[in-house]
Amino acid sequence: MSIVRARVSVTGTFFLHGAVFSSWYTRLPAIQQRLELTPGQLGIALFGAPAGLLIAQPAVGALAARTGSRPIVAAAPFYIGAVVLPALAVDTVTLLLALVLVGAASGVLDIAMNTQGLAVERASGKHLFSSLHAAFSFGVLAGAGAAAAAPGVAALPFLAASALVGAVGVAVLAPGLLRDRGVPGVPLFARPSRRLAAMGVIAFCALLAEGAVFDWSGIYLVTQVGTTAGVAPLGLAGFSLCMGVGRLAGDCAAARAGSTATARAGALVAALGLGVALVWATPVAAIAGFALMGLGLSVVFPITLRASASENQAAAPSVAAVSTVGYGGLLIGPPVIGVLADATDLRAALALACLLCGVAAALAPHLARARAG
């Protein structure tokens, strides 16, 4: 099978995943209003998505180790429809359950497509994994753009249309996926090692910092910088755009400078960018700082997943282990920052993300010492 076709297929899958599974976020305000949920009730329900993702990922890693990633990715049309479920919720409990299923479906596709992407990269002999994550970032932007272009469409028809487009798209792409094979007899779950633990910490730090921007950048710009509600989303927009652009360049950077140097530089640039946003609290400086942070963080998580794949004979369990720890940071980061903000202020709380970017930079040498796959 053509490697070019396989690359196109897995790139399209990353893009569709980003577009479809981000679409429910865009209709969350409408769902909250329809269900008449308080912020506290909504916060409880929102724990469902990362919880479902964390539950699903280790199991999918074990399955992919035996079956290969291709059949799991190819089955995506059957579970991609989970994004419709939040629009069918009738109260806090049903929304929580719906989001658990959305998170689980997203986690299944996340591990399978990353494993497929790593298989395509190995088969091609070229660095391309970071560009796949760029496709995911641009998919998120496309999903947000589609939502902005259809503000009057209710949650249920909008999410149904997103699911339909995603399911058809993956079904069209699936025949071009690489026929990777499982590895009989390997452990279904990654064995803990010092090196793998270090990679998990790097992923944890990177995704906690990313989650901090997604959840708190707009609030920071309004409450600490004094921007209007219309300007506040530009912080996240700049962060996301630069993350996508950075991931396009990440493969070339890693191939030339190596994984350690690229990840360390990225983490330090991310810390610098957030530091600029926190110290020079003007609208232009803060938005530019968040954009610089996105550029730096763009390479850290993809490089970490690539390194984890070479830690054991079968890539999927190691990828699942590191990814699960990383998404743990995405789960606990925003509420921890909220608690710290209550105890101090939001600027001081967000400094935690700067510190964790420094931790990721310090641990970057572990990425180079992974055994060759």
Protein backbone atom coordinates (compact mmCIF):
# COMPACT_ATOMS: atom_id res chain seq x y z
CA MET A 1 0.00 0.00 0.00
CA SER A 2 1.27 3.47 -0.87
CA ILE A 3 2.84 5.30 2.08
CA VAL A 4 1.66 8.56 0.52
CA ARG A 5 -1.92 7.32 0.59
CA ALA A 6 -1.52 6.11 4.16
CA ARG A 7 -0.16 9.50 5.21
CA VAL A 8 -3.06 11.30 3.56
CA SER A 9 -5.53 8.96 5.25
CA VAL A 10 -4.12 9.31 8.75
CA THR A 11 -3.70 13.08 8.35
CA GLY A 12 -7.35 13.35 7.35
CA THR A 13 -8.32 11.26 10.36
CA PHE A 14 -6.45 13.59 12.73
CA PHE A 15 -8.18 16.58 11.10
CA LEU A 16 -11.65 15.04 11.38
CA HIS A 17 -11.06 14.03 14.98
CA GLY A 18 -10.18 17.61 15.86
CA ALA A 19 -13.16 19.02 13.99
CA VAL A 20 -15.80 16.56 15.23
CA PHE A 21 -14.83 16.05 18.84
CA SER A 22 -14.36 19.78 19.43
CA SER A 23 -17.80 20.58 18.01
CA TRP A 24 -19.68 19.81 21.22
CA TYR A 25 -17.69 22.50 23.04
CA THR A 26 -19.07 25.09 20.64
CA ARG A 27 -22.66 24.21 21.56
CA LEU A 28 -22.00 23.92 25.30
CA PRO A 29 -23.44 27.36 26.15
CA ALA A 30 -26.68 26.47 24.33
CA ILE A 31 -26.88 23.12 26.11
CA GLN A 32 -26.29 24.79 29.47
CA GLN A 33 -29.03 27.33 28.76
CA ARG A 34 -31.51 24.68 27.61
CA LEU A 35 -30.92 22.53 30.69
CA GLU A 36 -30.82 25.59 32.99
CA LEU A 37 -27.61 24.40 34.64
CA THR A 38 -25.71 26.48 37.15
CA PRO A 39 -21.94 26.89 36.63
CA GLY A 40 -21.37 24.36 39.43
CA GLN A 41 -23.67 21.79 37.83
CA LEU A 42 -22.02 22.30 34.47
CA GLY A 43 -18.59 21.91 36.07
CA ILE A 44 -19.60 18.54 37.51
CA ALA A 45 -20.86 17.36 34.12
CA LEU A 46 -17.68 18.50 32.37
CA PHE A 47 -15.61 16.06 34.39
CA GLY A 48 -17.26 13.32 32.33
CA ALA A 49 -15.30 13.87 29.11
CA PRO A 50 -11.75 13.57 30.51
CA ALA A 51 -12.89 10.75 32.83
CA GLY A 52 -14.20 8.73 29.87
CA LEU A 53 -11.02 9.43 27.93
CA LEU A 54 -8.78 8.29 30.79
CA ILE A 55 -10.80 5.08 31.21
CA ALA A 56 -10.73 4.21 27.51
CA GLN A 57 -7.14 4.91 26.55
CA PRO A 58 -5.29 2.10 28.40
CA ALA A 59 -7.83 -0.46 27.17
CA VAL A 60 -7.46 0.71 23.57
CA GLY A 61 -3.68 0.59 23.88
CA ALA A 62 -3.95 -3.06 24.92
CA LEU A 63 -6.33 -3.86 22.06
CA ALA A 64 -4.16 -2.12 19.45
CA ALA A 65 -1.13 -4.08 20.65
CA ARG A 66 -2.90 -7.27 19.56
CA THR A 67 -4.97 -6.19 16.55
CA GLY A 68 -3.02 -3.26 15.15
CA SER A 69 -4.43 0.25 14.93
CA ARG A 70 -6.05 0.05 11.49
CA PRO A 71 -9.26 -1.80 12.41
CA ILE A 72 -9.84 0.47 15.42
CA VAL A 73 -9.48 3.63 13.34
CA ALA A 74 -11.60 2.13 10.57
CA ALA A 75 -14.40 1.49 13.08
CA ALA A 76 -14.56 5.16 14.02
CA PRO A 77 -17.83 5.80 12.11
CA PHE A 78 -19.59 3.55 14.65
CA TYR A 79 -18.56 5.55 17.72
CA ILE A 80 -17.99 9.02 16.30
CA GLY A 81 -21.73 9.58 16.66
CA ALA A 82 -21.23 9.90 20.42
CA VAL A 83 -20.79 13.66 19.90
CA VAL A 84 -24.58 13.91 19.45
CA LEU A 85 -25.29 12.65 22.98
CA PRO A 86 -24.74 15.92 24.89
CA ALA A 87 -27.54 17.51 22.85
CA LEU A 88 -29.90 14.74 24.04
CA ALA A 89 -29.19 15.25 27.76
CA VAL A 90 -32.10 16.26 30.00
CA ASP A 91 -30.28 17.12 33.25
CA THR A 92 -26.88 17.20 34.94
CA VAL A 93 -26.65 13.43 35.37
CA THR A 94 -27.50 12.58 31.77
CA LEU A 95 -25.11 15.25 30.51
CA LEU A 96 -22.37 13.78 32.71
CA LEU A 97 -23.03 10.29 31.32
CA ALA A 98 -23.17 11.63 27.75
CA LEU A 99 -19.80 13.32 28.19
CA VAL A 100 -18.26 10.16 29.65
CA LEU A 101 -19.21 8.40 26.41
CA VAL A 102 -17.95 11.31 24.30
CA GLY A 103 -14.65 11.23 26.15
CA ALA A 104 -14.35 7.47 25.79
CA ALA A 105 -15.05 7.62 22.04
CA SER A 106 -12.51 10.39 21.64
CA GLY A 107 -9.96 8.41 23.66
CA VAL A 108 -10.42 5.32 21.51
CA LEU A 109 -9.78 7.23 18.30
CA ASP A 110 -6.96 9.25 19.88
CA ILE A 111 -4.82 6.24 20.79
CA ALA A 112 -5.62 4.34 17.59
CA MET A 113 -4.84 7.23 15.25
CA ASN A 114 -1.61 8.09 17.11
CA THR A 115 -0.48 4.48 16.87
CA GLN A 116 -1.38 4.46 13.17
CA GLY A 117 0.49 7.73 12.67
CA LEU A 118 3.61 6.32 14.30
CA ALA A 119 3.39 3.21 12.11
CA VAL A 120 3.16 5.39 8.99
CA GLU A 121 6.13 7.44 10.20
CA ARG A 122 8.23 4.31 10.72
CA ALA A 123 7.27 2.96 7.32
CA SER A 124 8.12 6.24 5.58
CA GLY A 125 11.46 6.68 7.33
CA LYS A 126 10.74 10.39 7.76
CA HIS A 127 9.64 12.61 10.64
CA LEU A 128 5.95 13.38 10.05
CA PHE A 129 4.22 12.74 13.38
CA SER A 130 4.16 16.37 14.48
CA SER A 131 2.45 17.38 11.24
CA LEU A 132 -0.38 14.96 12.09
CA HIS A 133 -0.97 16.83 15.33
CA ALA A 134 -0.96 20.03 13.29
CA ALA A 135 -3.84 18.57 11.28
CA PHE A 136 -5.68 17.95 14.56
CA SER A 137 -5.14 21.58 15.63
CA PHE A 138 -6.43 22.89 12.31
CA GLY A 139 -9.38 20.52 12.60
CA VAL A 140 -10.27 22.16 15.92
CA LEU A 141 -10.08 25.54 14.23
CA ALA A 142 -12.28 24.28 11.39
CA GLY A 143 -14.86 22.98 13.87
CA ALA A 144 -14.90 26.32 15.66
CA GLY A 145 -15.23 28.11 12.33
CA ALA A 146 -18.17 25.95 11.32
CA ALA A 147 -19.88 26.74 14.61
CA ALA A 148 -19.27 30.46 14.16
CA ALA A 149 -20.72 30.30 10.66
CA ALA A 150 -23.93 28.66 11.92
CA PRO A 151 -24.81 30.49 15.16
CA GLY A 152 -28.54 29.97 14.76
CA VAL A 153 -28.40 26.19 14.33
CA ALA A 154 -29.54 24.31 17.43
CA ALA A 155 -27.18 21.90 19.20
CA LEU A 156 -28.80 18.64 18.05
CA PRO A 157 -28.84 19.26 14.27
CA PHE A 158 -25.40 20.88 14.39
CA LEU A 159 -23.80 17.98 16.26
CA ALA A 160 -25.65 15.44 14.11
CA ALA A 161 -24.27 17.11 10.98
CA SER A 162 -20.76 17.13 12.48
CA ALA A 163 -21.02 13.43 13.31
CA LEU A 164 -22.29 12.60 9.83
CA VAL A 165 -19.47 14.49 8.10
CA GLY A 166 -16.90 12.89 10.39
CA ALA A 167 -18.27 9.37 9.97
CA VAL A 168 -18.42 9.62 6.18
CA GLY A 169 -14.96 11.19 6.07
CA VAL A 170 -13.33 8.45 8.16
CA ALA A 171 -15.14 5.76 6.14
CA VAL A 172 -13.70 7.21 2.92
CA LEU A 173 -10.20 7.46 4.39
CA ALA A 174 -10.10 4.05 6.11
CA PRO A 175 -9.15 1.93 3.05
CA GLY A 176 -5.94 3.95 2.71
CA LEU A 177 -4.73 3.31 6.27
CA LEU A 178 -1.57 1.28 6.79
CA ARG A 179 -2.14 -2.39 7.60
CA ASP A 180 -0.06 -2.47 10.76
CA ARG A 181 -0.03 -5.70 12.73
CA GLY A 182 -0.34 -6.48 16.40
CA VAL A 183 2.55 -8.09 18.25
CA PRO A 184 1.56 -11.48 19.73
CA GLY A 185 2.69 -12.20 23.25
CA VAL A 186 3.65 -8.64 24.26
CA PRO A 187 2.30 -7.22 27.53
CA LEU A 188 -1.04 -5.52 26.99
CA PHE A 189 -0.10 -2.69 29.33
CA ALA A 190 3.20 -0.81 29.40
CA ARG A 191 5.58 -1.86 32.12
CA PRO A 192 6.50 1.13 34.29
CA SER A 193 10.05 2.31 33.83
CA ARG A 194 11.94 5.36 34.92
CA ARG A 195 12.15 6.60 31.36
CA LEU A 196 8.47 6.06 30.63
CA ALA A 197 7.54 7.79 33.90
CA ALA A 198 9.62 10.80 32.87
CA MET A 199 7.80 10.93 29.54
CA GLY A 200 4.50 10.77 31.39
CA VAL A 201 5.53 13.76 33.51
CA ILE A 202 6.50 15.72 30.39
CA ALA A 203 3.11 14.96 28.82
CA PHE A 204 1.35 15.86 32.08
CA CYS A 205 3.12 19.23 32.26
CA ALA A 206 2.50 20.05 28.60
CA LEU A 207 -1.21 19.22 28.64
CA LEU A 208 -1.83 20.91 31.99
CA ALA A 209 -0.30 24.09 30.55
CA GLU A 210 -2.40 23.70 27.40
CA GLY A 211 -5.57 23.18 29.42
CA ALA A 212 -4.77 26.27 31.48
CA VAL A 213 -4.84 28.38 28.32
CA PHE A 214 -8.05 26.82 27.02
CA ASP A 215 -9.92 27.35 30.28
CA TRP A 216 -8.40 30.51 31.72
CA SER A 217 -6.87 32.70 28.98
CA GLY A 218 -10.16 34.45 28.19
CA ILE A 219 -10.94 35.02 31.85
CA TYR A 220 -7.41 36.30 32.45
CA LEU A 221 -7.66 38.78 29.58
CA VAL A 222 -10.95 40.16 30.89
CA THR A 223 -10.31 40.21 34.65
CA GLN A 224 -6.55 40.88 34.83
CA VAL A 225 -5.78 42.70 31.60
CA GLY A 226 -9.07 44.56 31.19
CA THR A 227 -9.94 43.57 27.63
CA THR A 228 -13.51 43.41 26.38
CA ALA A 229 -15.38 40.13 26.01
CA GLY A 230 -14.98 40.45 22.24
CA VAL A 231 -11.18 40.68 22.44
CA ALA A 232 -10.72 37.95 25.06
CA PRO A 233 -11.04 34.97 22.63
CA LEU A 234 -8.05 36.25 20.67
CA GLY A 235 -5.71 34.82 23.30
CA LEU A 236 -6.93 31.29 22.66
CA ALA A 237 -7.16 31.91 18.91
CA GLY A 238 -3.54 33.05 18.77
CA PHE A 239 -2.45 30.12 20.93
CA SER A 240 -4.26 27.56 18.72
CA LEU A 241 -3.11 29.07 15.43
CA CYS A 242 0.54 29.18 16.48
CA MET A 243 0.30 25.66 17.87
CA GLY A 244 -0.87 24.43 14.47
CA VAL A 245 1.87 26.31 12.64
CA GLY A 246 4.49 25.12 15.11
CA ARG A 247 3.49 21.52 14.61
CA LEU A 248 3.92 21.89 10.86
CA ALA A 249 7.53 22.89 11.47
CA GLY A 250 8.09 20.47 14.37
CA ASP A 251 9.10 17.46 12.28
CA CYS A 252 11.82 19.37 10.47
CA ALA A 253 13.10 20.82 13.75
CA ALA A 254 13.23 17.41 15.44
CA ALA A 255 14.97 15.83 12.46
CA ARG A 256 17.66 18.51 12.45
CA ALA A 257 18.16 19.33 16.13
CA GLY A 258 16.99 16.10 17.75
CA SER A 259 14.11 15.34 20.07
CA THR A 260 15.76 16.59 23.25
CA ALA A 261 16.81 19.98 21.92
CA THR A 262 13.50 20.58 20.14
CA ALA A 263 11.31 19.62 23.10
CA ARG A 264 13.48 21.54 25.58
CA ALA A 265 13.46 24.66 23.41
CA GLY A 266 9.70 24.35 22.90
CA ALA A 267 9.00 24.05 26.63
CA LEU A 268 11.23 27.04 27.42
CA VAL A 269 9.61 29.15 24.69
CA ALA A 270 6.21 28.21 26.13
CA ALA A 271 7.30 29.32 29.60
CA LEU A 272 8.67 32.56 28.15
CA GLY A 273 5.45 33.25 26.25
CA LEU A 274 3.23 32.76 29.28
CA GLY A 275 5.66 34.81 31.35
CA VAL A 276 5.28 37.68 28.90
CA ALA A 277 1.50 37.43 29.15
CA LEU A 278 1.63 37.49 32.96
CA VAL A 279 4.27 40.20 33.46
CA TRP A 280 3.32 42.67 30.73
CA ALA A 281 -0.42 42.64 31.29
CA THR A 282 -1.47 44.69 28.26
CA PRO A 283 -3.83 43.33 25.59
CA VAL A 284 -1.21 43.16 22.84
CA ALA A 285 1.52 41.67 25.05
CA ALA A 286 -0.81 39.14 26.66
CA ILE A 287 -2.25 37.90 23.34
CA ALA A 288 1.25 37.75 21.83
CA GLY A 289 2.44 35.86 24.89
CA PHE A 290 -0.28 33.24 24.57
CA ALA A 291 0.53 32.89 20.87
CA LEU A 292 4.23 32.36 21.68
CA MET A 293 3.24 29.80 24.29
CA GLY A 294 1.25 27.88 21.66
CA LEU A 295 4.25 27.90 19.33
CA GLY A 296 6.50 26.48 22.04
CA LEU A 297 4.10 23.85 23.36
CA SER A 298 3.27 22.66 19.84
CA VAL A 299 6.19 20.24 19.64
CA VAL A 300 6.38 18.92 23.21
CA PHE A 301 3.49 16.44 23.30
CA PRO A 302 3.99 14.94 19.79
CA ILE A 303 7.72 14.41 20.42
CA THR A 304 6.93 12.79 23.77
CA LEU A 305 4.46 10.35 22.21
CA ARG A 306 6.94 9.50 19.47
CA ALA A 307 9.63 8.74 22.06
CA SER A 308 7.26 6.63 24.14
CA ALA A 309 6.46 4.45 21.12
CA SER A 310 10.05 3.23 20.95
CA GLU A 311 10.20 2.31 24.63
CA ASN A 312 8.62 -1.15 24.21
CA GLN A 313 8.21 -3.72 21.45
CA ALA A 314 4.58 -2.73 20.88
CA ALA A 315 3.98 1.02 20.59
CA ALA A 316 0.31 1.22 21.55
CA PRO A 317 0.51 0.35 25.29
CA SER A 318 3.37 2.82 25.86
CA VAL A 319 1.62 5.54 23.88
CA ALA A 320 -1.56 4.88 25.85
CA ALA A 321 0.28 5.03 29.19
CA VAL A 322 1.99 8.35 28.44
CA SER A 323 -1.12 9.83 26.84
CA THR A 324 -3.27 8.84 29.81
CA VAL A 325 -0.91 10.51 32.29
CA GLY A 326 -0.81 13.56 30.03
CA TYR A 327 -4.56 13.87 29.84
CA GLY A 328 -4.62 13.58 33.62
CA GLY A 329 -2.92 16.98 33.59
CA LEU A 330 -5.61 18.27 31.28
CA LEU A 331 -8.22 17.00 33.74
CA ILE A 332 -6.87 18.36 37.01
CA GLY A 333 -5.06 21.44 35.75
CA PRO A 334 -7.97 23.87 35.29
CA PRO A 335 -9.59 23.19 38.69
CA VAL A 336 -6.21 23.36 40.45
CA ILE A 337 -5.56 26.73 38.86
CA GLY A 338 -9.03 27.82 39.95
CA VAL A 339 -8.31 26.85 43.58
CA LEU A 340 -4.95 28.62 43.50
CA ALA A 341 -6.58 31.69 41.97
CA ASP A 342 -9.05 31.80 44.86
CA ALA A 343 -6.18 31.58 47.34
CA THR A 344 -3.98 34.15 45.57
CA ASP A 345 -4.97 35.61 42.21
CA LEU A 346 -5.24 34.31 38.66
CA ARG A 347 -1.89 35.73 37.57
CA ALA A 348 -0.07 33.87 40.34
CA ALA A 349 -2.06 30.70 39.68
CA LEU A 350 -1.18 30.68 35.98
CA ALA A 351 2.49 30.94 36.94
CA LEU A 352 2.16 27.24 37.83
CA ALA A 353 2.00 26.49 34.10
CA CYS A 354 5.29 28.39 33.62
CA LEU A 355 6.90 26.26 36.32
CA LEU A 356 5.65 23.02 34.75
CA CYS A 357 6.99 24.03 31.34
CA GLY A 358 10.36 24.36 33.07
CA VAL A 359 9.96 20.86 34.51
CA ALA A 360 9.23 19.51 31.01
CA ALA A 361 12.37 21.21 29.69
CA ALA A 362 14.46 19.68 32.48
CA LEU A 363 13.18 16.17 31.70
CA ALA A 364 13.66 16.48 27.93
CA PRO A 365 16.88 14.36 27.83
CA HIS A 366 14.74 11.29 28.54
CA LEU A 367 13.19 11.70 25.09
CA ALA A 368 16.51 11.06 23.37
CA ARG A 369 17.41 7.99 25.40
CA ALA A 370 14.38 5.95 24.31
CA ARG A 371 15.47 2.74 22.64
CA ALA A 372 15.32 2.64 18.87
CA GLY A 373 12.07 1.17 17.59
